[in-house]
């Protein structure tokens, strides 16, 4: 994977020479309760959500312009207990702490580091947590937990990322912005 990142960044260096914005959107995991968690389960989730994200950002540093913006993808589960989802939740809590620490590490370069933490968003990944015949039931249940009474849509996350990347967010740094319809807030 690290050689893939090297190839991506070499191409960016060749064609653009720099990065103004980096959106590190890593996420994946499945559900296993405590007592059933395996090394493979843990390593797979932390490998993608923590290790992959860390090296995606670190390898981008030489290309990131001073005053640039880094946006990481977290999740509401980083602050909420969720049965059978502890490893994924812990990986997203690590992402949140990366933003806190990296905002300090990058302060001399004025690079902002923020986290977008979605709630339940209607995506294939969310639907894939359960068998096909249970998907609508999962979506209905999650929507009932959201104060706005619905699941979010991928475009709503995209608009939030675009905001954090823009000059309109030039004094926002080190935050976790929840895009969850209020689910983790009330």
C-alpha atoms as a PDB file:
ATOM      1  CA  UNK A   1       0.000   0.000   0.000  1.00  0.00           C
ATOM      2  CA  UNK A   2       2.763   2.478   0.819  1.00  0.00           C
ATOM      3  CA  UNK A   3       4.240   2.023  -2.650  1.00  0.00           C
ATOM      4  CA  UNK A   4       0.795   2.824  -4.092  1.00  0.00           C
ATOM      5  CA  UNK A   5       0.784   6.077  -2.135  1.00  0.00           C
ATOM      6  CA  UNK A   6       4.272   6.858  -3.407  1.00  0.00           C
ATOM      7  CA  UNK A   7       3.058   6.359  -6.982  1.00  0.00           C
ATOM      8  CA  UNK A   8       0.000   8.596  -6.456  1.00  0.00           C
ATOM      9  CA  UNK A   9       2.053  11.384  -4.923  1.00  0.00           C
ATOM     10  CA  UNK A  10       4.749  11.085  -7.599  1.00  0.00           C
ATOM     11  CA  UNK A  11       2.061  11.595 -10.238  1.00  0.00           C
ATOM     12  CA  UNK A  12       0.643  14.605  -8.366  1.00  0.00           C
ATOM     13  CA  UNK A  13       4.136  16.075  -8.049  1.00  0.00           C
ATOM     14  CA  UNK A  14       4.685  15.570 -11.780  1.00  0.00           C
ATOM     15  CA  UNK A  15       1.359  17.022 -12.950  1.00  0.00           C
ATOM     16  CA  UNK A  16       0.461  19.647 -10.323  1.00  0.00           C
ATOM     17  CA  UNK A  17       3.538  20.022  -8.179  1.00  0.00           C
ATOM     18  CA  UNK A  18       1.541  20.653  -5.009  1.00  0.00           C
ATOM     19  CA  UNK A  19      -1.566  19.922  -2.967  1.00  0.00           C
ATOM     20  CA  UNK A  20      -3.770  22.620  -1.484  1.00  0.00           C
ATOM     21  CA  UNK A  21      -6.261  20.186   0.065  1.00  0.00           C
ATOM     22  CA  UNK A  22      -6.033  16.600   1.197  1.00  0.00           C
ATOM     23  CA  UNK A  23      -9.195  14.661   2.019  1.00  0.00           C
ATOM     24  CA  UNK A  24      -8.144  11.428   3.708  1.00  0.00           C
ATOM     25  CA  UNK A  25     -11.305   9.357   3.546  1.00  0.00           C
ATOM     26  CA  UNK A  26     -10.579   5.917   4.951  1.00  0.00           C
ATOM     27  CA  UNK A  27     -13.234   3.787   6.507  1.00  0.00           C
ATOM     28  CA  UNK A  28     -14.227   0.228   6.728  1.00  0.00           C
ATOM     29  CA  UNK A  29     -15.057  -2.392   9.236  1.00  0.00           C
ATOM     30  CA  UNK A  30     -17.437  -5.087  10.204  1.00  0.00           C
ATOM     31  CA  UNK A  31     -19.167  -6.019  13.391  1.00  0.00           C
ATOM     32  CA  UNK A  32     -17.871  -8.521  15.930  1.00  0.00           C
ATOM     33  CA  UNK A  33     -18.683  -8.565  19.639  1.00  0.00           C
ATOM     34  CA  UNK A  34     -16.014  -8.669  22.319  1.00  0.00           C
ATOM     35  CA  UNK A  35     -15.016 -12.300  22.677  1.00  0.00           C
ATOM     36  CA  UNK A  36     -15.185 -12.921  18.922  1.00  0.00           C
ATOM     37  CA  UNK A  37     -12.642 -10.303  17.793  1.00  0.00           C
ATOM     38  CA  UNK A  38      -9.694 -11.815  15.935  1.00  0.00           C
ATOM     39  CA  UNK A  39      -6.263 -10.457  15.116  1.00  0.00           C
ATOM     40  CA  UNK A  40      -7.278 -10.328  11.457  1.00  0.00           C
ATOM     41  CA  UNK A  41     -10.396  -8.305  12.296  1.00  0.00           C
ATOM     42  CA  UNK A  42      -8.407  -5.836  14.391  1.00  0.00           C
ATOM     43  CA  UNK A  43      -5.481  -5.576  11.963  1.00  0.00           C
ATOM     44  CA  UNK A  44      -7.766  -5.086   8.965  1.00  0.00           C
ATOM     45  CA  UNK A  45      -9.749  -2.246  10.518  1.00  0.00           C
ATOM     46  CA  UNK A  46      -6.786  -0.484  12.113  1.00  0.00           C
ATOM     47  CA  UNK A  47      -4.710  -1.076   8.988  1.00  0.00           C
ATOM     48  CA  UNK A  48      -7.192   0.800   6.835  1.00  0.00           C
ATOM     49  CA  UNK A  49      -8.653   3.382   9.192  1.00  0.00           C
ATOM     50  CA  UNK A  50      -5.555   4.284  11.212  1.00  0.00           C
ATOM     51  CA  UNK A  51      -2.380   3.104   9.488  1.00  0.00           C
ATOM     52  CA  UNK A  52      -3.616   3.877   5.992  1.00  0.00           C
ATOM     53  CA  UNK A  53      -4.851   7.321   6.968  1.00  0.00           C
ATOM     54  CA  UNK A  54      -1.649   8.188   8.843  1.00  0.00           C
ATOM     55  CA  UNK A  55       0.606   7.344   5.913  1.00  0.00           C
ATOM     56  CA  UNK A  56      -1.729   8.982   3.406  1.00  0.00           C
ATOM     57  CA  UNK A  57      -1.308  12.259   5.266  1.00  0.00           C
ATOM     58  CA  UNK A  58       2.353  11.862   6.151  1.00  0.00           C
ATOM     59  CA  UNK A  59       3.403  11.050   2.597  1.00  0.00           C
ATOM     60  CA  UNK A  60       1.434  14.068   1.330  1.00  0.00           C
ATOM     61  CA  UNK A  61       3.303  16.543   3.555  1.00  0.00           C
ATOM     62  CA  UNK A  62       6.028  17.431   1.030  1.00  0.00           C
ATOM     63  CA  UNK A  63       3.325  18.383  -1.493  1.00  0.00           C
ATOM     64  CA  UNK A  64       0.991  20.214   0.882  1.00  0.00           C
ATOM     65  CA  UNK A  65       1.246  23.981   0.581  1.00  0.00           C
ATOM     66  CA  UNK A  66       1.655  26.141   3.650  1.00  0.00           C
ATOM     67  CA  UNK A  67      -1.820  27.276   4.619  1.00  0.00           C
ATOM     68  CA  UNK A  68      -3.398  24.161   3.120  1.00  0.00           C
ATOM     69  CA  UNK A  69      -6.157  22.014   4.531  1.00  0.00           C
ATOM     70  CA  UNK A  70      -6.320  18.371   5.611  1.00  0.00           C
ATOM     71  CA  UNK A  71      -9.715  16.796   6.233  1.00  0.00           C
ATOM     72  CA  UNK A  72      -9.996  13.364   7.830  1.00  0.00           C
ATOM     73  CA  UNK A  73     -13.059  11.127   7.929  1.00  0.00           C
ATOM     74  CA  UNK A  74     -14.135  10.129  11.414  1.00  0.00           C
ATOM     75  CA  UNK A  75     -17.481   8.811  12.600  1.00  0.00           C
ATOM     76  CA  UNK A  76     -20.060   9.446  15.281  1.00  0.00           C
ATOM     77  CA  UNK A  77     -19.137   6.051  16.723  1.00  0.00           C
ATOM     78  CA  UNK A  78     -15.888   7.611  17.972  1.00  0.00           C
ATOM     79  CA  UNK A  79     -17.917   9.166  20.802  1.00  0.00           C
ATOM     80  CA  UNK A  80     -20.754   6.638  21.128  1.00  0.00           C
ATOM     81  CA  UNK A  81     -20.735   3.074  22.327  1.00  0.00           C
ATOM     82  CA  UNK A  82     -21.990   0.684  19.690  1.00  0.00           C
ATOM     83  CA  UNK A  83     -22.464  -3.013  20.357  1.00  0.00           C
ATOM     84  CA  UNK A  84     -20.191  -5.274  18.303  1.00  0.00           C
ATOM     85  CA  UNK A  85     -18.477  -2.263  16.719  1.00  0.00           C
ATOM     86  CA  UNK A  86     -15.760  -1.551  19.286  1.00  0.00           C
ATOM     87  CA  UNK A  87     -12.760  -2.017  16.997  1.00  0.00           C
ATOM     88  CA  UNK A  88     -14.170   0.261  14.307  1.00  0.00           C
ATOM     89  CA  UNK A  89     -15.196   2.795  16.962  1.00  0.00           C
ATOM     90  CA  UNK A  90     -11.707   2.778  18.490  1.00  0.00           C
ATOM     91  CA  UNK A  91     -10.139   3.293  15.059  1.00  0.00           C
ATOM     92  CA  UNK A  92     -12.281   6.380  14.516  1.00  0.00           C
ATOM     93  CA  UNK A  93     -11.391   7.720  17.970  1.00  0.00           C
ATOM     94  CA  UNK A  94      -7.753   7.449  16.876  1.00  0.00           C
ATOM     95  CA  UNK A  95      -8.549   9.491  13.766  1.00  0.00           C
ATOM     96  CA  UNK A  96     -10.047  12.226  15.946  1.00  0.00           C
ATOM     97  CA  UNK A  97      -6.889  12.355  18.026  1.00  0.00           C
ATOM     98  CA  UNK A  98      -4.726  12.542  14.911  1.00  0.00           C
ATOM     99  CA  UNK A  99      -6.440  15.830  14.059  1.00  0.00           C
ATOM    100  CA  UNK A 100      -5.789  17.245  17.527  1.00  0.00           C
ATOM    101  CA  UNK A 101      -2.114  16.321  17.406  1.00  0.00           C
ATOM    102  CA  UNK A 102      -1.468  17.124  13.758  1.00  0.00           C
ATOM    103  CA  UNK A 103      -3.024  20.580  14.092  1.00  0.00           C
ATOM    104  CA  UNK A 104      -0.184  21.233  16.540  1.00  0.00           C
ATOM    105  CA  UNK A 105       2.463  19.437  14.472  1.00  0.00           C
ATOM    106  CA  UNK A 106       1.572  21.528  11.406  1.00  0.00           C
ATOM    107  CA  UNK A 107       0.966  24.895  13.075  1.00  0.00           C
ATOM    108  CA  UNK A 108       4.205  26.402  11.766  1.00  0.00           C
ATOM    109  CA  UNK A 109       3.002  25.682   8.236  1.00  0.00           C
ATOM    110  CA  UNK A 110      -0.530  26.970   9.012  1.00  0.00           C
ATOM    111  CA  UNK A 111      -1.995  23.726   7.672  1.00  0.00           C
ATOM    112  CA  UNK A 112      -5.461  23.176   9.125  1.00  0.00           C
ATOM    113  CA  UNK A 113      -6.464  19.655  10.132  1.00  0.00           C
ATOM    114  CA  UNK A 114     -10.120  18.865  10.763  1.00  0.00           C
ATOM    115  CA  UNK A 115     -12.358  15.816  11.006  1.00  0.00           C
ATOM    116  CA  UNK A 116     -15.744  15.252   9.388  1.00  0.00           C
ATOM    117  CA  UNK A 117     -17.692  12.682  11.406  1.00  0.00           C
ATOM    118  CA  UNK A 118     -20.725  11.340   9.577  1.00  0.00           C
ATOM    119  CA  UNK A 119     -23.647   9.687  11.235  1.00  0.00           C
ATOM    120  CA  UNK A 120     -25.632   7.088   9.314  1.00  0.00           C
ATOM    121  CA  UNK A 121     -25.224   7.873   5.618  1.00  0.00           C
ATOM    122  CA  UNK A 122     -27.059   5.924   2.923  1.00  0.00           C
ATOM    123  CA  UNK A 123     -24.079   4.154   1.353  1.00  0.00           C
ATOM    124  CA  UNK A 124     -23.344   0.628   0.158  1.00  0.00           C
ATOM    125  CA  UNK A 125     -20.936   0.277   3.099  1.00  0.00           C
ATOM    126  CA  UNK A 126     -23.650   0.949   5.657  1.00  0.00           C
ATOM    127  CA  UNK A 127     -26.100  -1.340   3.902  1.00  0.00           C
ATOM    128  CA  UNK A 128     -23.438  -4.013   3.619  1.00  0.00           C
ATOM    129  CA  UNK A 129     -23.278  -4.446   7.392  1.00  0.00           C
ATOM    130  CA  UNK A 130     -26.352  -6.678   7.221  1.00  0.00           C
ATOM    131  CA  UNK A 131     -27.769  -9.222   4.749  1.00  0.00           C
ATOM    132  CA  UNK A 132     -29.729  -7.756   1.818  1.00  0.00           C
ATOM    133  CA  UNK A 133     -33.097  -8.707   3.303  1.00  0.00           C
ATOM    134  CA  UNK A 134     -32.293  -6.768   6.513  1.00  0.00           C
ATOM    135  CA  UNK A 135     -30.959  -3.608   4.832  1.00  0.00           C
ATOM    136  CA  UNK A 136     -34.184  -1.600   4.824  1.00  0.00           C
ATOM    137  CA  UNK A 137     -34.814  -2.558   8.445  1.00  0.00           C
ATOM    138  CA  UNK A 138     -31.354  -1.270   9.378  1.00  0.00           C
ATOM    139  CA  UNK A 139     -31.919   1.977   7.467  1.00  0.00           C
ATOM    140  CA  UNK A 140     -35.338   2.471   9.098  1.00  0.00           C
ATOM    141  CA  UNK A 141     -33.958   1.791  12.568  1.00  0.00           C
ATOM    142  CA  UNK A 142     -31.028   4.184  12.122  1.00  0.00           C
ATOM    143  CA  UNK A 143     -33.293   6.900  10.702  1.00  0.00           C
ATOM    144  CA  UNK A 144     -35.473   6.567  13.805  1.00  0.00           C
ATOM    145  CA  UNK A 145     -32.394   7.366  15.940  1.00  0.00           C
ATOM    146  CA  UNK A 146     -31.636  10.590  14.070  1.00  0.00           C
ATOM    147  CA  UNK A 147     -33.445  13.729  15.307  1.00  0.00           C
ATOM    148  CA  UNK A 148     -33.991  14.793  11.679  1.00  0.00           C
ATOM    149  CA  UNK A 149     -35.708  11.428  11.110  1.00  0.00           C
ATOM    150  CA  UNK A 150     -33.699  10.298   8.092  1.00  0.00           C
ATOM    151  CA  UNK A 151     -30.368   8.993   6.931  1.00  0.00           C
ATOM    152  CA  UNK A 152     -27.835  11.399   5.521  1.00  0.00           C
ATOM    153  CA  UNK A 153     -26.821  11.394   1.885  1.00  0.00           C
ATOM    154  CA  UNK A 154     -23.239  11.217   0.562  1.00  0.00           C
ATOM    155  CA  UNK A 155     -23.546  14.686  -1.012  1.00  0.00           C
ATOM    156  CA  UNK A 156     -24.144  16.186   2.417  1.00  0.00           C
ATOM    157  CA  UNK A 157     -20.754  14.911   3.511  1.00  0.00           C
ATOM    158  CA  UNK A 158     -19.196  16.243   0.309  1.00  0.00           C
ATOM    159  CA  UNK A 159     -20.573  19.728   0.948  1.00  0.00           C
ATOM    160  CA  UNK A 160     -19.159  19.686   4.473  1.00  0.00           C
ATOM    161  CA  UNK A 161     -15.726  18.619   3.237  1.00  0.00           C
ATOM    162  CA  UNK A 162     -15.829  21.373   0.594  1.00  0.00           C
ATOM    163  CA  UNK A 163     -16.659  23.911   3.309  1.00  0.00           C
ATOM    164  CA  UNK A 164     -13.767  22.792   5.539  1.00  0.00           C
ATOM    165  CA  UNK A 165     -11.406  22.932   2.564  1.00  0.00           C
ATOM    166  CA  UNK A 166     -12.519  26.447   1.612  1.00  0.00           C
ATOM    167  CA  UNK A 167     -11.424  29.892   2.740  1.00  0.00           C
ATOM    168  CA  UNK A 168     -14.784  30.180   4.510  1.00  0.00           C
ATOM    169  CA  UNK A 169     -13.296  27.809   7.115  1.00  0.00           C
ATOM    170  CA  UNK A 170      -9.924  29.579   7.334  1.00  0.00           C
ATOM    171  CA  UNK A 171     -10.084  29.910  11.145  1.00  0.00           C
ATOM    172  CA  UNK A 172     -11.383  26.400  11.817  1.00  0.00           C
ATOM    173  CA  UNK A 173      -8.665  24.019  12.943  1.00  0.00           C
ATOM    174  CA  UNK A 174      -8.579  20.839  14.995  1.00  0.00           C
ATOM    175  CA  UNK A 175     -12.345  20.394  15.101  1.00  0.00           C
ATOM    176  CA  UNK A 176     -14.546  17.379  14.673  1.00  0.00           C
ATOM    177  CA  UNK A 177     -17.599  18.449  12.708  1.00  0.00           C
ATOM    178  CA  UNK A 178     -20.482  16.035  13.099  1.00  0.00           C
ATOM    179  CA  UNK A 179     -22.707  15.595  10.059  1.00  0.00           C
ATOM    180  CA  UNK A 180     -25.236  13.339  11.700  1.00  0.00           C
ATOM    181  CA  UNK A 181     -28.636  15.004  11.768  1.00  0.00           C
ATOM    182  CA  UNK A 182     -28.100  15.499  15.492  1.00  0.00           C
ATOM    183  CA  UNK A 183     -27.760  11.794  16.289  1.00  0.00           C
ATOM    184  CA  UNK A 184     -24.666  12.046  18.479  1.00  0.00           C
ATOM    185  CA  UNK A 185     -25.529  15.510  19.766  1.00  0.00           C
ATOM    186  CA  UNK A 186     -28.772  15.056  21.681  1.00  0.00           C
END
